[in-house]
Amino acid sequence: MVGDCGAQGVLIGVTNRSIPGRNNTLCFSPALIATADDIDAITDAVDKALTKVSG
């Protein structure tokens, strides 16, 4: 998931608040000057990555 988003130009990270061994919590930290288009790009990348993972 993280790698798929990175391949699309969106860097995300996992947190240590996940279920052990699952890494099921994502950390989003967009720039404070992020535009609506930037947020759309982030959500699109995550949507595509989740679709790929979940089938």
PDB file of N, CA and C in Angstrom:
ATOM      1  N   MET A   1       0.821  -1.185   0.000  1.00  0.00           N
ATOM      2  CA  MET A   1       0.000   0.000   0.000  1.00  0.00           C
ATOM      3  C   MET A   1       0.868   1.252   0.000  1.00  0.00           C
ATOM      4  N   VAL A   2       1.794   1.333   0.948  1.00  0.00           N
ATOM      5  CA  VAL A   2       2.679   2.498   1.021  1.00  0.00           C
ATOM      6  C   VAL A   2       3.503   2.595  -0.261  1.00  0.00           C
ATOM      7  N   GLY A   3       3.994   1.452  -0.734  1.00  0.00           N
ATOM      8  CA  GLY A   3       4.781   1.433  -1.965  1.00  0.00           C
ATOM      9  C   GLY A   3       3.966   1.830  -3.183  1.00  0.00           C
ATOM     10  N   ASP A   4       2.717   1.375  -3.248  1.00  0.00           N
ATOM     11  CA  ASP A   4       1.849   1.734  -4.372  1.00  0.00           C
ATOM     12  C   ASP A   4       1.584   3.232  -4.403  1.00  0.00           C
ATOM     13  N   CYS A   5       1.334   3.817  -3.251  1.00  0.00           N
ATOM     14  CA  CYS A   5       1.121   5.259  -3.188  1.00  0.00           C
ATOM     15  C   CYS A   5       2.393   6.005  -3.581  1.00  0.00           C
ATOM     16  N   GLY A   6       3.534   5.535  -3.102  1.00  0.00           N
ATOM     17  CA  GLY A   6       4.811   6.155  -3.455  1.00  0.00           C
ATOM     18  C   GLY A   6       5.066   6.119  -4.947  1.00  0.00           C
ATOM     19  N   ALA A   7       4.689   5.024  -5.595  1.00  0.00           N
ATOM     20  CA  ALA A   7       4.854   4.912  -7.042  1.00  0.00           C
ATOM     21  C   ALA A   7       3.992   5.924  -7.782  1.00  0.00           C
ATOM     22  N   GLN A   8       2.929   6.390  -7.128  1.00  0.00           N
ATOM     23  CA  GLN A   8       2.044   7.392  -7.723  1.00  0.00           C
ATOM     24  C   GLN A   8       2.433   8.808  -7.318  1.00  0.00           C
ATOM     25  N   GLY A   9       3.550   8.930  -6.593  1.00  0.00           N
ATOM     26  CA  GLY A   9       4.035  10.245  -6.204  1.00  0.00           C
ATOM     27  C   GLY A   9       3.481  10.758  -4.887  1.00  0.00           C
ATOM     28  N   VAL A  10       2.805   9.906  -4.130  1.00  0.00           N
ATOM     29  CA  VAL A  10       2.231  10.306  -2.851  1.00  0.00           C
ATOM     30  C   VAL A  10       2.935   9.514  -1.752  1.00  0.00           C
ATOM     31  N   LEU A  11       3.601  10.210  -0.858  1.00  0.00           N
ATOM     32  CA  LEU A  11       4.311   9.566   0.233  1.00  0.00           C
ATOM     33  C   LEU A  11       3.431   9.517   1.465  1.00  0.00           C
ATOM     34  N   ILE A  12       3.198   8.323   1.970  1.00  0.00           N
ATOM     35  CA  ILE A  12       2.453   8.149   3.209  1.00  0.00           C
ATOM     36  C   ILE A  12       3.296   7.265   4.119  1.00  0.00           C
ATOM     37  N   GLY A  13       2.954   7.257   5.374  1.00  0.00           N
ATOM     38  CA  GLY A  13       3.690   6.429   6.316  1.00  0.00           C
ATOM     39  C   GLY A  13       2.750   5.693   7.238  1.00  0.00           C
ATOM     40  N   VAL A  14       3.272   4.662   7.871  1.00  0.00           N
ATOM     41  CA  VAL A  14       2.487   3.924   8.850  1.00  0.00           C
ATOM     42  C   VAL A  14       2.849   4.438  10.230  1.00  0.00           C
ATOM     43  N   THR A  15       1.992   4.210  11.180  1.00  0.00           N
ATOM     44  CA  THR A  15       2.247   4.653  12.543  1.00  0.00           C
ATOM     45  C   THR A  15       2.483   3.441  13.437  1.00  0.00           C
ATOM     46  N   ASN A  16       2.885   3.680  14.636  1.00  0.00           N
ATOM     47  CA  ASN A  16       3.061   2.581  15.584  1.00  0.00           C
ATOM     48  C   ASN A  16       1.788   2.327  16.390  1.00  0.00           C
ATOM     49  N   ARG A  17       0.687   2.917  15.984  1.00  0.00           N
ATOM     50  CA  ARG A  17      -0.590   2.722  16.673  1.00  0.00           C
ATOM     51  C   ARG A  17      -1.422   1.632  16.004  1.00  0.00           C
ATOM     52  N   SER A  18      -0.790   0.817  15.204  1.00  0.00           N
ATOM     53  CA  SER A  18      -1.479  -0.240  14.481  1.00  0.00           C
ATOM     54  C   SER A  18      -1.575  -1.501  15.321  1.00  0.00           C
ATOM     55  N   ILE A  19      -2.393  -2.418  14.878  1.00  0.00           N
ATOM     56  CA  ILE A  19      -2.419  -3.755  15.471  1.00  0.00           C
ATOM     57  C   ILE A  19      -1.070  -4.390  15.156  1.00  0.00           C
ATOM     58  N   PRO A  20      -0.409  -4.981  16.117  1.00  0.00           N
ATOM     59  CA  PRO A  20       0.923  -5.556  15.871  1.00  0.00           C
ATOM     60  C   PRO A  20       0.947  -6.465  14.632  1.00  0.00           C
ATOM     61  N   GLY A  21       1.898  -6.184  13.745  1.00  0.00           N
ATOM     62  CA  GLY A  21       2.059  -6.974  12.535  1.00  0.00           C
ATOM     63  C   GLY A  21       1.127  -6.604  11.405  1.00  0.00           C
ATOM     64  N   ARG A  22       0.236  -5.672  11.606  1.00  0.00           N
ATOM     65  CA  ARG A  22      -0.756  -5.313  10.584  1.00  0.00           C
ATOM     66  C   ARG A  22      -0.467  -3.986   9.886  1.00  0.00           C
ATOM     67  N   ASN A  23       0.099  -3.035  10.612  1.00  0.00           N
ATOM     68  CA  ASN A  23       0.312  -1.697  10.052  1.00  0.00           C
ATOM     69  C   ASN A  23      -0.958  -1.179   9.379  1.00  0.00           C
ATOM     70  N   ASN A  24      -2.047  -1.157  10.121  1.00  0.00           N
ATOM     71  CA  ASN A  24      -3.340  -0.797   9.547  1.00  0.00           C
ATOM     72  C   ASN A  24      -3.744   0.650   9.789  1.00  0.00           C
ATOM     73  N   THR A  25      -2.819   1.485  10.224  1.00  0.00           N
ATOM     74  CA  THR A  25      -3.099   2.898  10.422  1.00  0.00           C
ATOM     75  C   THR A  25      -2.162   3.704   9.536  1.00  0.00           C
ATOM     76  N   LEU A  26      -2.707   4.568   8.728  1.00  0.00           N
ATOM     77  CA  LEU A  26      -1.899   5.411   7.846  1.00  0.00           C
ATOM     78  C   LEU A  26      -1.775   6.803   8.437  1.00  0.00           C
ATOM     79  N   CYS A  27      -0.659   7.428   8.190  1.00  0.00           N
ATOM     80  CA  CYS A  27      -0.405   8.778   8.683  1.00  0.00           C
ATOM     81  C   CYS A  27      -0.362   9.736   7.492  1.00  0.00           C
ATOM     82  N   PHE A  28      -1.273  10.679   7.463  1.00  0.00           N
ATOM     83  CA  PHE A  28      -1.317  11.680   6.402  1.00  0.00           C
ATOM     84  C   PHE A  28      -0.845  13.008   6.968  1.00  0.00           C
ATOM     85  N   SER A  29       0.108  13.629   6.313  1.00  0.00           N
ATOM     86  CA  SER A  29       0.630  14.919   6.758  1.00  0.00           C
ATOM     87  C   SER A  29       0.846  15.835   5.559  1.00  0.00           C
ATOM     88  N   PRO A  30      -0.233  16.236   4.904  1.00  0.00           N
ATOM     89  CA  PRO A  30      -0.047  17.128   3.757  1.00  0.00           C
ATOM     90  C   PRO A  30       0.462  18.497   4.213  1.00  0.00           C
ATOM     91  N   ALA A  31       1.101  19.176   3.320  1.00  0.00           N
ATOM     92  CA  ALA A  31       1.592  20.522   3.627  1.00  0.00           C
ATOM     93  C   ALA A  31       0.423  21.433   3.989  1.00  0.00           C
ATOM     94  N   LEU A  32       0.675  22.385   4.847  1.00  0.00           N
ATOM     95  CA  LEU A  32      -0.381  23.319   5.246  1.00  0.00           C
ATOM     96  C   LEU A  32      -0.885  24.155   4.072  1.00  0.00           C
ATOM     97  N   ILE A  33      -0.096  24.227   3.009  1.00  0.00           N
ATOM     98  CA  ILE A  33      -0.504  24.991   1.826  1.00  0.00           C
ATOM     99  C   ILE A  33      -1.047  24.084   0.727  1.00  0.00           C
ATOM    100  N   ALA A  34      -1.422  22.846   1.080  1.00  0.00           N
ATOM    101  CA  ALA A  34      -1.957  21.908   0.097  1.00  0.00           C
ATOM    102  C   ALA A  34      -3.240  22.464  -0.510  1.00  0.00           C
ATOM    103  N   THR A  35      -3.341  22.304  -1.804  1.00  0.00           N
ATOM    104  CA  THR A  35      -4.539  22.764  -2.520  1.00  0.00           C
ATOM    105  C   THR A  35      -5.560  21.632  -2.589  1.00  0.00           C
ATOM    106  N   ALA A  36      -6.737  21.956  -3.039  1.00  0.00           N
ATOM    107  CA  ALA A  36      -7.768  20.935  -3.227  1.00  0.00           C
ATOM    108  C   ALA A  36      -7.289  19.887  -4.226  1.00  0.00           C
ATOM    109  N   ASP A  37      -6.570  20.312  -5.256  1.00  0.00           N
ATOM    110  CA  ASP A  37      -6.029  19.363  -6.237  1.00  0.00           C
ATOM    111  C   ASP A  37      -5.004  18.429  -5.593  1.00  0.00           C
ATOM    112  N   ASP A  38      -4.195  18.948  -4.671  1.00  0.00           N
ATOM    113  CA  ASP A  38      -3.229  18.110  -3.953  1.00  0.00           C
ATOM    114  C   ASP A  38      -3.949  17.036  -3.128  1.00  0.00           C
ATOM    115  N   ILE A  39      -4.981  17.444  -2.429  1.00  0.00           N
ATOM    116  CA  ILE A  39      -5.739  16.500  -1.599  1.00  0.00           C
ATOM    117  C   ILE A  39      -6.435  15.472  -2.484  1.00  0.00           C
ATOM    118  N   ASP A  40      -6.951  15.908  -3.625  1.00  0.00           N
ATOM    119  CA  ASP A  40      -7.562  14.970  -4.572  1.00  0.00           C
ATOM    120  C   ASP A  40      -6.542  13.941  -5.063  1.00  0.00           C
ATOM    121  N   ALA A  41      -5.318  14.378  -5.334  1.00  0.00           N
ATOM    122  CA  ALA A  41      -4.273  13.464  -5.787  1.00  0.00           C
ATOM    123  C   ALA A  41      -3.943  12.439  -4.700  1.00  0.00           C
ATOM    124  N   ILE A  42      -3.908  12.888  -3.463  1.00  0.00           N
ATOM    125  CA  ILE A  42      -3.633  11.980  -2.344  1.00  0.00           C
ATOM    126  C   ILE A  42      -4.750  10.950  -2.205  1.00  0.00           C
ATOM    127  N   THR A  43      -5.984  11.408  -2.190  1.00  0.00           N
ATOM    128  CA  THR A  43      -7.096  10.472  -2.010  1.00  0.00           C
ATOM    129  C   THR A  43      -7.231   9.523  -3.196  1.00  0.00           C
ATOM    130  N   ASP A  44      -6.950  10.005  -4.401  1.00  0.00           N
ATOM    131  CA  ASP A  44      -6.986   9.130  -5.577  1.00  0.00           C
ATOM    132  C   ASP A  44      -5.916   8.046  -5.484  1.00  0.00           C
ATOM    133  N   ALA A  45      -4.713   8.408  -5.067  1.00  0.00           N
ATOM    134  CA  ALA A  45      -3.621   7.437  -4.943  1.00  0.00           C
ATOM    135  C   ALA A  45      -3.961   6.386  -3.887  1.00  0.00           C
ATOM    136  N   VAL A  46      -4.501   6.824  -2.755  1.00  0.00           N
ATOM    137  CA  VAL A  46      -4.869   5.881  -1.702  1.00  0.00           C
ATOM    138  C   VAL A  46      -6.001   4.973  -2.170  1.00  0.00           C
ATOM    139  N   ASP A  47      -6.973   5.540  -2.865  1.00  0.00           N
ATOM    140  CA  ASP A  47      -8.082   4.739  -3.393  1.00  0.00           C
ATOM    141  C   ASP A  47      -7.562   3.669  -4.346  1.00  0.00           C
ATOM    142  N   LYS A  48      -6.684   4.034  -5.256  1.00  0.00           N
ATOM    143  CA  LYS A  48      -6.131   3.063  -6.203  1.00  0.00           C
ATOM    144  C   LYS A  48      -5.332   1.981  -5.484  1.00  0.00           C
ATOM    145  N   ALA A  49      -4.542   2.373  -4.495  1.00  0.00           N
ATOM    146  CA  ALA A  49      -3.731   1.405  -3.751  1.00  0.00           C
ATOM    147  C   ALA A  49      -4.626   0.453  -2.944  1.00  0.00           C
ATOM    148  N   LEU A  50      -5.651   0.991  -2.302  1.00  0.00           N
ATOM    149  CA  LEU A  50      -6.567   0.136  -1.535  1.00  0.00           C
ATOM    150  C   LEU A  50      -7.323  -0.817  -2.450  1.00  0.00           C
ATOM    151  N   THR A  51      -7.728  -0.338  -3.612  1.00  0.00           N
ATOM    152  CA  THR A  51      -8.414  -1.194  -4.574  1.00  0.00           C
ATOM    153  C   THR A  51      -7.504  -2.327  -5.023  1.00  0.00           C
ATOM    154  N   LYS A  52      -6.235  -2.002  -5.242  1.00  0.00           N
ATOM    155  CA  LYS A  52      -5.284  -3.030  -5.674  1.00  0.00           C
ATOM    156  C   LYS A  52      -5.083  -4.081  -4.584  1.00  0.00           C
ATOM    157  N   VAL A  53      -5.003  -3.645  -3.337  1.00  0.00           N
ATOM    158  CA  VAL A  53      -4.766  -4.557  -2.219  1.00  0.00           C
ATOM    159  C   VAL A  53      -5.995  -5.416  -1.923  1.00  0.00           C
ATOM    160  N   SER A  54      -7.164  -4.786  -1.957  1.00  0.00           N
ATOM    161  CA  SER A  54      -8.384  -5.501  -1.558  1.00  0.00           C
ATOM    162  C   SER A  54      -9.071  -6.217  -2.710  1.00  0.00           C
ATOM    163  N   GLY A  55      -8.597  -5.982  -3.913  1.00  0.00           N
ATOM    164  CA  GLY A  55      -9.144  -6.696  -5.062  1.00  0.00           C
ATOM    165  C   GLY A  55     -10.273  -5.978  -5.657  1.00  0.00           C
TER     166      GLY A  55
END
